[in-house]
Amino acid sequence: MRPRARRTALERKSKQTARHEKVSDEMATSMNPMLRRVLWAETSDTHFPYTAQVGGERWTLRINDFPDEPLYTLFVGQRPLQDIEEWPSTWVRPTGSTTPDGAHRGPLSPPQ
């Protein structure tokens, strides 16, 4: 009887560990914007060409003075969060998106 109880306890511990690891992986993904799947939409602003709604927050990408600066800066709400050198594989560009031509067509701040 005891070996079965021990196995059950070990199985419970294993399930708890697996559940904790899954939660930890999900938290790490949600905290790191580079790991999240993001569906971007184009804006009319060539300085802030992409926007997305992620977890109830507006994310916006600003194009910087590349190569002197990182290619993009990610804004969450109105605050800059992270510089981006390469487009993450988990991010999806809008269908038919093009490189901005540099013409100013909107405000020089993240869209609200």
C-alpha atoms as a PDB file:
ATOM      1  CA  MET A   1       0.000   0.000   0.000  1.00  0.00           C
ATOM      2  CA  ARG A   2       2.779   2.383   0.805  1.00  0.00           C
ATOM      3  CA  PRO A   3       4.526   2.198  -2.602  1.00  0.00           C
ATOM      4  CA  ARG A   4       1.247   3.181  -4.307  1.00  0.00           C
ATOM      5  CA  ALA A   5       0.822   6.164  -1.952  1.00  0.00           C
ATOM      6  CA  ARG A   6       4.416   7.190  -2.619  1.00  0.00           C
ATOM      7  CA  ARG A   7       3.858   6.985  -6.383  1.00  0.00           C
ATOM      8  CA  THR A   8       0.745   9.087  -6.063  1.00  0.00           C
ATOM      9  CA  ALA A   9       2.631  11.710  -4.095  1.00  0.00           C
ATOM     10  CA  LEU A  10       5.420  11.678  -6.707  1.00  0.00           C
ATOM     11  CA  GLU A  11       2.856  11.947  -9.504  1.00  0.00           C
ATOM     12  CA  ARG A  12       1.227  14.902  -7.725  1.00  0.00           C
ATOM     13  CA  LYS A  13       4.611  16.571  -7.291  1.00  0.00           C
ATOM     14  CA  SER A  14       5.423  15.975 -10.965  1.00  0.00           C
ATOM     15  CA  LYS A  15       2.091  17.484 -12.077  1.00  0.00           C
ATOM     16  CA  GLN A  16       2.624  20.499  -9.802  1.00  0.00           C
ATOM     17  CA  THR A  17       6.122  21.004 -11.209  1.00  0.00           C
ATOM     18  CA  ALA A  18       4.865  20.753 -14.799  1.00  0.00           C
ATOM     19  CA  ARG A  19       2.044  23.200 -14.038  1.00  0.00           C
ATOM     20  CA  HIS A  20       4.508  25.634 -12.386  1.00  0.00           C
ATOM     21  CA  GLU A  21       6.884  25.396 -15.358  1.00  0.00           C
ATOM     22  CA  LYS A  22       4.008  26.072 -17.771  1.00  0.00           C
ATOM     23  CA  VAL A  23       2.907  29.124 -15.769  1.00  0.00           C
ATOM     24  CA  SER A  24       6.525  30.333 -15.585  1.00  0.00           C
ATOM     25  CA  ASP A  25       6.928  29.964 -19.365  1.00  0.00           C
ATOM     26  CA  GLU A  26       3.676  31.853 -19.979  1.00  0.00           C
ATOM     27  CA  MET A  27       4.728  34.628 -17.578  1.00  0.00           C
ATOM     28  CA  ALA A  28       8.146  34.937 -19.214  1.00  0.00           C
ATOM     29  CA  THR A  29       6.500  35.157 -22.625  1.00  0.00           C
ATOM     30  CA  SER A  30       3.987  37.765 -21.483  1.00  0.00           C
ATOM     31  CA  MET A  31       6.708  39.866 -19.840  1.00  0.00           C
ATOM     32  CA  ASN A  32       9.069  39.778 -22.821  1.00  0.00           C
ATOM     33  CA  PRO A  33       7.487  41.618 -25.766  1.00  0.00           C
ATOM     34  CA  MET A  34       9.882  39.930 -28.183  1.00  0.00           C
ATOM     35  CA  LEU A  35       8.348  36.528 -27.375  1.00  0.00           C
ATOM     36  CA  ARG A  36       4.690  37.509 -27.657  1.00  0.00           C
ATOM     37  CA  ARG A  37       2.659  36.926 -30.792  1.00  0.00           C
ATOM     38  CA  VAL A  38       1.663  40.401 -31.970  1.00  0.00           C
ATOM     39  CA  LEU A  39      -0.524  41.196 -34.974  1.00  0.00           C
ATOM     40  CA  TRP A  40       0.522  44.667 -36.138  1.00  0.00           C
ATOM     41  CA  ALA A  41      -1.605  47.140 -38.121  1.00  0.00           C
ATOM     42  CA  GLU A  42      -0.328  50.016 -40.242  1.00  0.00           C
ATOM     43  CA  THR A  43      -0.891  53.633 -39.242  1.00  0.00           C
ATOM     44  CA  SER A  44      -0.770  56.734 -41.443  1.00  0.00           C
ATOM     45  CA  ASP A  45       2.245  58.063 -39.498  1.00  0.00           C
ATOM     46  CA  THR A  46       5.589  57.248 -41.128  1.00  0.00           C
ATOM     47  CA  HIS A  47       7.450  57.856 -37.855  1.00  0.00           C
ATOM     48  CA  PHE A  48       5.136  55.473 -35.957  1.00  0.00           C
ATOM     49  CA  PRO A  49       4.130  53.097 -38.767  1.00  0.00           C
ATOM     50  CA  TYR A  50       2.757  50.161 -36.749  1.00  0.00           C
ATOM     51  CA  THR A  51       0.329  49.751 -33.883  1.00  0.00           C
ATOM     52  CA  ALA A  52      -1.245  46.782 -32.078  1.00  0.00           C
ATOM     53  CA  GLN A  53      -3.577  46.063 -29.175  1.00  0.00           C
ATOM     54  CA  VAL A  54      -1.865  43.654 -26.787  1.00  0.00           C
ATOM     55  CA  GLY A  55      -3.401  42.631 -23.490  1.00  0.00           C
ATOM     56  CA  GLY A  56      -5.578  45.741 -23.410  1.00  0.00           C
ATOM     57  CA  GLU A  57      -2.643  48.083 -24.099  1.00  0.00           C
ATOM     58  CA  ARG A  58      -1.703  49.937 -27.267  1.00  0.00           C
ATOM     59  CA  TRP A  59       1.732  49.063 -28.580  1.00  0.00           C
ATOM     60  CA  THR A  60       3.347  51.368 -31.140  1.00  0.00           C
ATOM     61  CA  LEU A  61       6.608  51.093 -33.061  1.00  0.00           C
ATOM     62  CA  ARG A  62       8.629  54.192 -33.842  1.00  0.00           C
ATOM     63  CA  ILE A  63      11.179  54.134 -36.666  1.00  0.00           C
ATOM     64  CA  ASN A  64      14.457  55.607 -35.452  1.00  0.00           C
ATOM     65  CA  ASP A  65      17.428  57.178 -37.250  1.00  0.00           C
ATOM     66  CA  PHE A  66      18.929  53.850 -38.323  1.00  0.00           C
ATOM     67  CA  PRO A  67      21.853  52.928 -38.406  1.00  0.00           C
ATOM     68  CA  ASP A  68      22.905  55.547 -35.849  1.00  0.00           C
ATOM     69  CA  GLU A  69      20.099  54.333 -33.558  1.00  0.00           C
ATOM     70  CA  PRO A  70      18.260  51.025 -33.198  1.00  0.00           C
ATOM     71  CA  LEU A  71      15.819  50.392 -36.053  1.00  0.00           C
ATOM     72  CA  TYR A  72      12.650  50.634 -33.903  1.00  0.00           C
ATOM     73  CA  THR A  73      11.566  51.651 -30.422  1.00  0.00           C
ATOM     74  CA  LEU A  74       8.572  49.861 -28.926  1.00  0.00           C
ATOM     75  CA  PHE A  75       6.139  52.081 -27.017  1.00  0.00           C
ATOM     76  CA  VAL A  76       3.559  50.638 -24.642  1.00  0.00           C
ATOM     77  CA  GLY A  77       0.959  53.316 -24.126  1.00  0.00           C
ATOM     78  CA  GLN A  78       2.919  56.577 -24.173  1.00  0.00           C
ATOM     79  CA  ARG A  79       6.190  55.253 -22.744  1.00  0.00           C
ATOM     80  CA  PRO A  80       9.162  53.813 -24.622  1.00  0.00           C
ATOM     81  CA  LEU A  81       9.761  50.253 -23.469  1.00  0.00           C
ATOM     82  CA  GLN A  82      12.454  48.681 -25.610  1.00  0.00           C
ATOM     83  CA  ASP A  83      14.677  49.263 -28.633  1.00  0.00           C
ATOM     84  CA  ILE A  84      14.307  46.682 -31.407  1.00  0.00           C
ATOM     85  CA  GLU A  85      17.172  45.854 -33.779  1.00  0.00           C
ATOM     86  CA  GLU A  86      15.454  43.015 -35.682  1.00  0.00           C
ATOM     87  CA  TRP A  87      11.789  42.180 -36.257  1.00  0.00           C
ATOM     88  CA  PRO A  88      10.896  39.294 -33.889  1.00  0.00           C
ATOM     89  CA  SER A  89       9.719  36.083 -35.548  1.00  0.00           C
ATOM     90  CA  THR A  90       6.608  36.062 -33.310  1.00  0.00           C
ATOM     91  CA  TRP A  91       5.433  39.450 -34.627  1.00  0.00           C
ATOM     92  CA  VAL A  92       3.209  39.558 -37.710  1.00  0.00           C
ATOM     93  CA  ARG A  93       3.506  42.524 -40.060  1.00  0.00           C
ATOM     94  CA  PRO A  94       0.337  43.772 -41.716  1.00  0.00           C
ATOM     95  CA  THR A  95      -0.422  42.165 -45.078  1.00  0.00           C
ATOM     96  CA  GLY A  96       1.016  44.255 -47.878  1.00  0.00           C
ATOM     97  CA  SER A  97       2.972  46.527 -45.520  1.00  0.00           C
ATOM     98  CA  THR A  98       5.795  48.477 -47.085  1.00  0.00           C
ATOM     99  CA  THR A  99       8.795  50.366 -45.840  1.00  0.00           C
ATOM    100  CA  PRO A 100       7.724  53.937 -45.000  1.00  0.00           C
ATOM    101  CA  ASP A 101       8.822  56.482 -47.615  1.00  0.00           C
ATOM    102  CA  GLY A 102       9.809  59.101 -45.031  1.00  0.00           C
ATOM    103  CA  ALA A 103       7.007  61.553 -45.809  1.00  0.00           C
ATOM    104  CA  HIS A 104       5.416  62.908 -42.632  1.00  0.00           C
ATOM    105  CA  ARG A 105       1.698  62.098 -42.654  1.00  0.00           C
ATOM    106  CA  GLY A 106       0.807  62.253 -38.993  1.00  0.00           C
ATOM    107  CA  PRO A 107       1.719  63.407 -35.485  1.00  0.00           C
ATOM    108  CA  LEU A 108       5.247  62.858 -34.183  1.00  0.00           C
ATOM    109  CA  SER A 109       4.047  61.023 -31.082  1.00  0.00           C
ATOM    110  CA  PRO A 110       2.612  57.561 -30.461  1.00  0.00           C
ATOM    111  CA  PRO A 111      -1.029  57.378 -31.566  1.00  0.00           C
ATOM    112  CA  GLN A 112      -3.457  57.387 -28.652  1.00  0.00           C
END
